[in-house]
Amino acid sequence: MTAAQIETVEHLDRGPLSREEIAAGVAAIIPTGSYVNLGIGLPTLVADHLRPEQGVVLHTENGMLGMGRAALDGEIDPDLINAGKIPVIAAPGASYFHQADSFAMMRGGHLDVCVLGAFQVAVDGDLANWHTGEPDAIPAVGGAMDLAIGAKQVIVTMPLFDRAGRAKLVLRCSYPLTGVRCVGRVHTDHATFVLAAGRVHVEATFGITVNDLTQRVPVLGHPAWT
């Protein structure tokens, strides 16, 4: 099915997705056998929902291939952490390497999928996730810029609205960009979006109709995208 053929499914018998449900939704669509990097925050939860039969290999920019789920009590090794400094387990066959080699994998196009958080995503796929531009905000430059240009598919997970109630899916990003036209899918608490061929498609809504969603996300009703 192409993006243009997507039919929106409205899930009106429930409320917005929880963080765990967003992560589970992303885990379910990652192709079998993919090499995947998970960003800090909500994206790290995806690791806990991957099924063994998917055969997904998780990569971290701090030098590990074969990262497992979050470590439980009794499994914690302070030397085994993900990019968000959360203790994790090592999957069978895991390997460790220098951080420079890890970034070479990212920049060299060897990762199939990366899952990142975002402050804003534009409808053309532009990504802003490292600085809000506010004078007192602390910039968080990490490996996201390398992942945004190096991974074959970029998926974003984020709340659809910021603390002021403004939609984070926008016509043009007002924050400094991390990557240009790199995002293909956006998974949020209220809806899932597919960005393709210069268009934004609503794949599913959760606890809200498409019409109501359009009222709260102005870009969906923008003349350039309808």
C-alpha atoms as a PDB file:
ATOM      1  CA  MET A   1       0.000   0.000   0.000  1.00  0.00           C
ATOM      2  CA  THR A   2       1.376   3.413  -0.929  1.00  0.00           C
ATOM      3  CA  ALA A   3       1.098   6.451   1.315  1.00  0.00           C
ATOM      4  CA  ALA A   4      -1.528   7.917  -1.007  1.00  0.00           C
ATOM      5  CA  GLN A   5      -3.711   4.827  -0.461  1.00  0.00           C
ATOM      6  CA  ILE A   6      -3.717   5.040   3.340  1.00  0.00           C
ATOM      7  CA  GLU A   7      -7.195   4.959   4.842  1.00  0.00           C
ATOM      8  CA  THR A   8      -7.432   6.567   8.251  1.00  0.00           C
ATOM      9  CA  VAL A   9      -8.650   4.395  11.121  1.00  0.00           C
ATOM     10  CA  GLU A  10     -10.317   6.262  13.978  1.00  0.00           C
ATOM     11  CA  HIS A  11     -10.044   4.534  17.368  1.00  0.00           C
ATOM     12  CA  LEU A  12     -12.843   6.334  19.200  1.00  0.00           C
ATOM     13  CA  ASP A  13     -13.520   3.708  21.884  1.00  0.00           C
ATOM     14  CA  ARG A  14     -10.474   4.764  23.864  1.00  0.00           C
ATOM     15  CA  GLY A  15      -8.375   7.788  24.873  1.00  0.00           C
ATOM     16  CA  PRO A  16      -4.939   8.888  23.698  1.00  0.00           C
ATOM     17  CA  LEU A  17      -2.104   6.348  23.673  1.00  0.00           C
ATOM     18  CA  SER A  18       0.196   6.038  26.690  1.00  0.00           C
ATOM     19  CA  ARG A  19       3.978   6.214  26.258  1.00  0.00           C
ATOM     20  CA  GLU A  20       4.174   2.408  26.478  1.00  0.00           C
ATOM     21  CA  GLU A  21       1.442   2.049  23.848  1.00  0.00           C
ATOM     22  CA  ILE A  22       3.248   4.442  21.501  1.00  0.00           C
ATOM     23  CA  ALA A  23       6.436   2.412  21.941  1.00  0.00           C
ATOM     24  CA  ALA A  24       4.570  -0.860  21.345  1.00  0.00           C
ATOM     25  CA  GLY A  25       3.086   0.538  18.144  1.00  0.00           C
ATOM     26  CA  VAL A  26       6.515   1.447  16.818  1.00  0.00           C
ATOM     27  CA  ALA A  27       7.996  -1.925  17.805  1.00  0.00           C
ATOM     28  CA  ALA A  28       5.240  -3.699  15.876  1.00  0.00           C
ATOM     29  CA  ILE A  29       6.112  -2.063  12.540  1.00  0.00           C
ATOM     30  CA  ILE A  30       9.899  -2.471  12.632  1.00  0.00           C
ATOM     31  CA  PRO A  31      10.783  -4.956   9.873  1.00  0.00           C
ATOM     32  CA  THR A  32      12.191  -8.354  10.797  1.00  0.00           C
ATOM     33  CA  GLY A  33      15.969  -8.474  10.908  1.00  0.00           C
ATOM     34  CA  SER A  34      16.453  -4.709  11.029  1.00  0.00           C
ATOM     35  CA  TYR A  35      19.415  -2.936  12.606  1.00  0.00           C
ATOM     36  CA  VAL A  36      17.907  -0.199  14.749  1.00  0.00           C
ATOM     37  CA  ASN A  37      19.042   2.708  16.926  1.00  0.00           C
ATOM     38  CA  LEU A  38      16.723   4.033  19.635  1.00  0.00           C
ATOM     39  CA  GLY A  39      17.043   7.636  20.812  1.00  0.00           C
ATOM     40  CA  ILE A  40      16.837   8.922  24.371  1.00  0.00           C
ATOM     41  CA  GLY A  41      13.506   9.048  26.218  1.00  0.00           C
ATOM     42  CA  LEU A  42      10.335   7.531  24.790  1.00  0.00           C
ATOM     43  CA  PRO A  43      12.185   5.769  21.929  1.00  0.00           C
ATOM     44  CA  THR A  44      14.160   3.644  24.418  1.00  0.00           C
ATOM     45  CA  LEU A  45      10.870   2.033  25.513  1.00  0.00           C
ATOM     46  CA  VAL A  46      10.593   0.416  22.069  1.00  0.00           C
ATOM     47  CA  ALA A  47      13.262  -2.123  23.119  1.00  0.00           C
ATOM     48  CA  ASP A  48      10.909  -3.571  25.739  1.00  0.00           C
ATOM     49  CA  HIS A  49       8.228  -4.339  23.127  1.00  0.00           C
ATOM     50  CA  LEU A  50      10.288  -5.998  20.394  1.00  0.00           C
ATOM     51  CA  ARG A  51       9.446  -9.681  19.930  1.00  0.00           C
ATOM     52  CA  PRO A  52      12.361 -12.178  19.753  1.00  0.00           C
ATOM     53  CA  GLU A  53      11.044 -13.571  16.473  1.00  0.00           C
ATOM     54  CA  GLN A  54      11.540 -10.125  14.870  1.00  0.00           C
ATOM     55  CA  GLY A  55      15.305 -10.672  15.080  1.00  0.00           C
ATOM     56  CA  VAL A  56      15.915  -6.927  15.479  1.00  0.00           C
ATOM     57  CA  VAL A  57      19.488  -5.949  16.398  1.00  0.00           C
ATOM     58  CA  LEU A  58      19.741  -2.788  18.495  1.00  0.00           C
ATOM     59  CA  HIS A  59      22.701  -0.445  18.079  1.00  0.00           C
ATOM     60  CA  THR A  60      23.795   2.281  20.482  1.00  0.00           C
ATOM     61  CA  GLU A  61      26.150   5.128  19.639  1.00  0.00           C
ATOM     62  CA  ASN A  62      28.150   4.508  22.808  1.00  0.00           C
ATOM     63  CA  GLY A  63      29.470   1.295  21.248  1.00  0.00           C
ATOM     64  CA  MET A  64      27.195  -1.728  21.462  1.00  0.00           C
ATOM     65  CA  LEU A  65      25.500  -3.919  18.868  1.00  0.00           C
ATOM     66  CA  GLY A  66      22.946  -6.328  20.287  1.00  0.00           C
ATOM     67  CA  MET A  67      21.476  -4.235  23.073  1.00  0.00           C
ATOM     68  CA  GLY A  68      18.589  -5.887  24.900  1.00  0.00           C
ATOM     69  CA  ARG A  69      15.657  -4.569  26.904  1.00  0.00           C
ATOM     70  CA  ALA A  70      15.913  -2.480  30.064  1.00  0.00           C
ATOM     71  CA  ALA A  71      17.623  -4.398  32.886  1.00  0.00           C
ATOM     72  CA  LEU A  72      15.510  -5.554  35.813  1.00  0.00           C
ATOM     73  CA  ASP A  73      16.637  -5.819  39.435  1.00  0.00           C
ATOM     74  CA  GLY A  74      19.470  -8.309  39.669  1.00  0.00           C
ATOM     75  CA  GLU A  75      20.379  -7.827  35.996  1.00  0.00           C
ATOM     76  CA  ILE A  76      21.849  -4.334  36.316  1.00  0.00           C
ATOM     77  CA  ASP A  77      25.471  -3.941  35.227  1.00  0.00           C
ATOM     78  CA  PRO A  78      26.632  -0.292  35.551  1.00  0.00           C
ATOM     79  CA  ASP A  79      28.844  -0.763  32.488  1.00  0.00           C
ATOM     80  CA  LEU A  80      25.885  -1.794  30.312  1.00  0.00           C
ATOM     81  CA  ILE A  81      23.768   1.270  29.541  1.00  0.00           C
ATOM     82  CA  ASN A  82      21.948   2.686  26.543  1.00  0.00           C
ATOM     83  CA  ALA A  83      22.407   6.191  25.114  1.00  0.00           C
ATOM     84  CA  GLY A  84      20.051   7.520  27.784  1.00  0.00           C
ATOM     85  CA  LYS A  85      22.219   5.986  30.543  1.00  0.00           C
ATOM     86  CA  ILE A  86      19.480   3.461  31.380  1.00  0.00           C
ATOM     87  CA  PRO A  87      20.840   0.013  32.411  1.00  0.00           C
ATOM     88  CA  VAL A  88      20.126  -2.608  29.745  1.00  0.00           C
ATOM     89  CA  ILE A  89      20.897  -6.266  29.156  1.00  0.00           C
ATOM     90  CA  ALA A  90      23.034  -7.660  26.351  1.00  0.00           C
ATOM     91  CA  ALA A  91      21.326  -9.945  23.855  1.00  0.00           C
ATOM     92  CA  PRO A  92      23.080 -13.231  22.967  1.00  0.00           C
ATOM     93  CA  GLY A  93      25.893 -12.475  20.522  1.00  0.00           C
ATOM     94  CA  ALA A  94      26.166  -8.804  21.495  1.00  0.00           C
ATOM     95  CA  SER A  95      29.424  -7.019  20.669  1.00  0.00           C
ATOM     96  CA  TYR A  96      31.190  -3.875  21.846  1.00  0.00           C
ATOM     97  CA  PHE A  97      33.330  -1.412  19.922  1.00  0.00           C
ATOM     98  CA  HIS A  98      34.852   2.063  19.938  1.00  0.00           C
ATOM     99  CA  GLN A  99      32.479   5.000  19.740  1.00  0.00           C
ATOM    100  CA  ALA A 100      34.192   6.168  16.540  1.00  0.00           C
ATOM    101  CA  ASP A 101      33.283   2.851  14.910  1.00  0.00           C
ATOM    102  CA  SER A 102      29.741   3.255  16.169  1.00  0.00           C
ATOM    103  CA  PHE A 103      29.389   6.668  14.516  1.00  0.00           C
ATOM    104  CA  ALA A 104      30.921   5.261  11.320  1.00  0.00           C
ATOM    105  CA  MET A 105      28.081   2.710  11.245  1.00  0.00           C
ATOM    106  CA  MET A 106      25.546   5.512  11.619  1.00  0.00           C
ATOM    107  CA  ARG A 107      27.058   7.874   9.049  1.00  0.00           C
ATOM    108  CA  GLY A 108      27.835   5.049   6.639  1.00  0.00           C
ATOM    109  CA  GLY A 109      24.186   4.133   6.136  1.00  0.00           C
ATOM    110  CA  HIS A 110      24.406   0.767   7.901  1.00  0.00           C
ATOM    111  CA  LEU A 111      21.340   1.233  10.123  1.00  0.00           C
ATOM    112  CA  ASP A 112      17.901   0.385   8.785  1.00  0.00           C
ATOM    113  CA  VAL A 113      15.807   2.349  11.268  1.00  0.00           C
ATOM    114  CA  CYS A 114      16.283   4.979  13.953  1.00  0.00           C
ATOM    115  CA  VAL A 115      13.601   6.106  16.392  1.00  0.00           C
ATOM    116  CA  LEU A 116      14.001   9.641  17.745  1.00  0.00           C
ATOM    117  CA  GLY A 117      12.118  12.121  19.890  1.00  0.00           C
ATOM    118  CA  ALA A 118      11.366  15.613  18.587  1.00  0.00           C
ATOM    119  CA  PHE A 119      10.454  19.166  19.570  1.00  0.00           C
ATOM    120  CA  GLN A 120       8.938  19.700  16.121  1.00  0.00           C
ATOM    121  CA  VAL A 121       8.450  17.811  12.859  1.00  0.00           C
ATOM    122  CA  ALA A 122       7.505  19.626   9.654  1.00  0.00           C
ATOM    123  CA  VAL A 123       5.160  18.108   7.106  1.00  0.00           C
ATOM    124  CA  ASP A 124       8.010  17.815   4.601  1.00  0.00           C
ATOM    125  CA  GLY A 125       9.935  15.635   7.076  1.00  0.00           C
ATOM    126  CA  ASP A 126      12.247  18.246   8.606  1.00  0.00           C
ATOM    127  CA  LEU A 127      13.239  17.338  12.176  1.00  0.00           C
ATOM    128  CA  ALA A 128      14.067  19.623  15.131  1.00  0.00           C
ATOM    129  CA  ASN A 129      15.041  17.807  18.314  1.00  0.00           C
ATOM    130  CA  TRP A 130      18.170  19.316  19.868  1.00  0.00           C
ATOM    131  CA  HIS A 131      17.349  22.905  20.902  1.00  0.00           C
ATOM    132  CA  THR A 132      14.209  24.959  21.394  1.00  0.00           C
ATOM    133  CA  GLY A 133      16.120  28.183  20.824  1.00  0.00           C
ATOM    134  CA  GLU A 134      15.020  29.551  24.194  1.00  0.00           C
ATOM    135  CA  PRO A 135      17.778  31.547  25.957  1.00  0.00           C
ATOM    136  CA  ASP A 136      17.757  29.332  29.068  1.00  0.00           C
ATOM    137  CA  ALA A 137      17.340  26.018  27.224  1.00  0.00           C
ATOM    138  CA  ILE A 138      20.201  23.549  27.351  1.00  0.00           C
ATOM    139  CA  PRO A 139      21.088  22.258  23.865  1.00  0.00           C
ATOM    140  CA  ALA A 140      21.365  18.476  23.578  1.00  0.00           C
ATOM    141  CA  VAL A 141      23.506  17.728  20.571  1.00  0.00           C
ATOM    142  CA  GLY A 142      24.177  13.986  20.415  1.00  0.00           C
ATOM    143  CA  GLY A 143      24.117  11.441  17.655  1.00  0.00           C
ATOM    144  CA  ALA A 144      20.722  12.459  16.292  1.00  0.00           C
ATOM    145  CA  MET A 145      22.165  14.488  13.416  1.00  0.00           C
ATOM    146  CA  ASP A 146      24.202  11.489  12.307  1.00  0.00           C
ATOM    147  CA  LEU A 147      21.219   9.177  12.637  1.00  0.00           C
ATOM    148  CA  ALA A 148      18.895  11.548  10.782  1.00  0.00           C
ATOM    149  CA  ILE A 149      21.109  11.512   7.700  1.00  0.00           C
ATOM    150  CA  GLY A 150      22.483   7.981   8.054  1.00  0.00           C
ATOM    151  CA  ALA A 151      19.546   5.723   8.897  1.00  0.00           C
ATOM    152  CA  LYS A 152      17.448   4.438   6.006  1.00  0.00           C
ATOM    153  CA  GLN A 153      14.194   5.159   7.870  1.00  0.00           C
ATOM    154  CA  VAL A 154      13.599   7.786  10.576  1.00  0.00           C
ATOM    155  CA  ILE A 155      10.614   7.340  12.897  1.00  0.00           C
ATOM    156  CA  VAL A 156       9.684  10.023  15.430  1.00  0.00           C
ATOM    157  CA  THR A 157       7.836   9.429  18.704  1.00  0.00           C
ATOM    158  CA  MET A 158       6.543  12.440  20.606  1.00  0.00           C
ATOM    159  CA  PRO A 159       3.469  13.922  22.322  1.00  0.00           C
ATOM    160  CA  LEU A 160       1.434  15.629  19.619  1.00  0.00           C
ATOM    161  CA  PHE A 161       1.103  18.847  21.656  1.00  0.00           C
ATOM    162  CA  ASP A 162       3.596  20.824  23.744  1.00  0.00           C
ATOM    163  CA  ARG A 163       2.919  22.107  27.269  1.00  0.00           C
ATOM    164  CA  ALA A 164       1.235  25.206  25.846  1.00  0.00           C
ATOM    165  CA  GLY A 165      -1.101  23.048  23.772  1.00  0.00           C
ATOM    166  CA  ARG A 166       0.585  23.869  20.463  1.00  0.00           C
ATOM    167  CA  ALA A 167       0.871  21.125  17.860  1.00  0.00           C
ATOM    168  CA  LYS A 168       4.406  19.832  17.340  1.00  0.00           C
ATOM    169  CA  LEU A 169       3.577  18.778  13.757  1.00  0.00           C
ATOM    170  CA  VAL A 170       4.061  22.050  11.920  1.00  0.00           C
ATOM    171  CA  LEU A 171       4.258  23.542   8.430  1.00  0.00           C
ATOM    172  CA  ARG A 172       7.834  24.737   9.008  1.00  0.00           C
ATOM    173  CA  CYS A 173      10.054  24.096  12.044  1.00  0.00           C
ATOM    174  CA  SER A 174      10.808  27.242  14.032  1.00  0.00           C
ATOM    175  CA  TYR A 175      13.487  25.504  16.113  1.00  0.00           C
ATOM    176  CA  PRO A 176      17.019  24.727  14.827  1.00  0.00           C
ATOM    177  CA  LEU A 177      16.960  21.709  12.530  1.00  0.00           C
ATOM    178  CA  THR A 178      18.514  18.342  13.252  1.00  0.00           C
ATOM    179  CA  GLY A 179      17.887  16.913   9.803  1.00  0.00           C
ATOM    180  CA  VAL A 180      16.206  17.944   6.550  1.00  0.00           C
ATOM    181  CA  ARG A 181      13.356  15.919   4.999  1.00  0.00           C
ATOM    182  CA  CYS A 182      14.367  12.811   6.887  1.00  0.00           C
ATOM    183  CA  VAL A 183      11.273  11.778   8.898  1.00  0.00           C
ATOM    184  CA  GLY A 184       8.945   9.193   7.355  1.00  0.00           C
ATOM    185  CA  ARG A 185       6.608   8.363  10.236  1.00  0.00           C
ATOM    186  CA  VAL A 186       5.441  10.202  13.366  1.00  0.00           C
ATOM    187  CA  HIS A 187       3.870   8.251  16.236  1.00  0.00           C
ATOM    188  CA  THR A 188       2.101  10.387  18.850  1.00  0.00           C
ATOM    189  CA  ASP A 189      -0.419   9.936  21.639  1.00  0.00           C
ATOM    190  CA  HIS A 190      -3.345  11.245  19.550  1.00  0.00           C
ATOM    191  CA  ALA A 191      -2.496  10.020  16.046  1.00  0.00           C
ATOM    192  CA  THR A 192      -0.021   8.283  13.773  1.00  0.00           C
ATOM    193  CA  PHE A 193       1.164  10.105  10.657  1.00  0.00           C
ATOM    194  CA  VAL A 194       2.927   8.993   7.476  1.00  0.00           C
ATOM    195  CA  LEU A 195       5.002  11.648   5.686  1.00  0.00           C
ATOM    196  CA  ALA A 196       5.673  10.850   2.046  1.00  0.00           C
ATOM    197  CA  ALA A 197       5.875  12.519  -1.352  1.00  0.00           C
ATOM    198  CA  GLY A 198       5.581  15.943   0.239  1.00  0.00           C
ATOM    199  CA  ARG A 199       2.284  15.034   1.902  1.00  0.00           C
ATOM    200  CA  VAL A 200       1.165  14.172   5.426  1.00  0.00           C
ATOM    201  CA  HIS A 201      -1.301  11.315   5.865  1.00  0.00           C
ATOM    202  CA  VAL A 202      -3.207  10.495   9.051  1.00  0.00           C
ATOM    203  CA  GLU A 203      -2.894   6.731   9.441  1.00  0.00           C
ATOM    204  CA  ALA A 204      -4.796   6.377  12.733  1.00  0.00           C
ATOM    205  CA  THR A 205      -6.324   8.490  15.481  1.00  0.00           C
ATOM    206  CA  PHE A 206      -6.794   7.574  19.142  1.00  0.00           C
ATOM    207  CA  GLY A 207      -9.684   9.061  21.099  1.00  0.00           C
ATOM    208  CA  ILE A 208     -10.255  11.839  18.576  1.00  0.00           C
ATOM    209  CA  THR A 209     -11.858  12.144  15.155  1.00  0.00           C
ATOM    210  CA  VAL A 210      -9.958  13.345  12.117  1.00  0.00           C
ATOM    211  CA  ASN A 211     -12.166  16.427  11.980  1.00  0.00           C
ATOM    212  CA  ASP A 212     -11.413  17.319  15.609  1.00  0.00           C
ATOM    213  CA  LEU A 213      -7.729  16.551  15.067  1.00  0.00           C
ATOM    214  CA  THR A 214      -7.654  18.970  12.138  1.00  0.00           C
ATOM    215  CA  GLN A 215      -9.022  21.701  14.403  1.00  0.00           C
ATOM    216  CA  ARG A 216      -6.190  21.153  16.912  1.00  0.00           C
ATOM    217  CA  VAL A 217      -3.403  20.611  14.342  1.00  0.00           C
ATOM    218  CA  PRO A 218      -3.784  23.578  11.993  1.00  0.00           C
ATOM    219  CA  VAL A 219      -1.287  22.304   9.460  1.00  0.00           C
ATOM    220  CA  LEU A 220      -3.609  19.404   8.610  1.00  0.00           C
ATOM    221  CA  GLY A 221      -6.115  21.876   7.227  1.00  0.00           C
ATOM    222  CA  HIS A 222      -3.533  24.064   5.496  1.00  0.00           C
ATOM    223  CA  PRO A 223      -4.347  24.625   1.817  1.00  0.00           C
ATOM    224  CA  ALA A 224      -0.919  23.359   0.794  1.00  0.00           C
ATOM    225  CA  TRP A 225      -1.589  19.960   2.349  1.00  0.00           C
ATOM    226  CA  THR A 226      -5.243  19.263   1.576  1.00  0.00           C
END
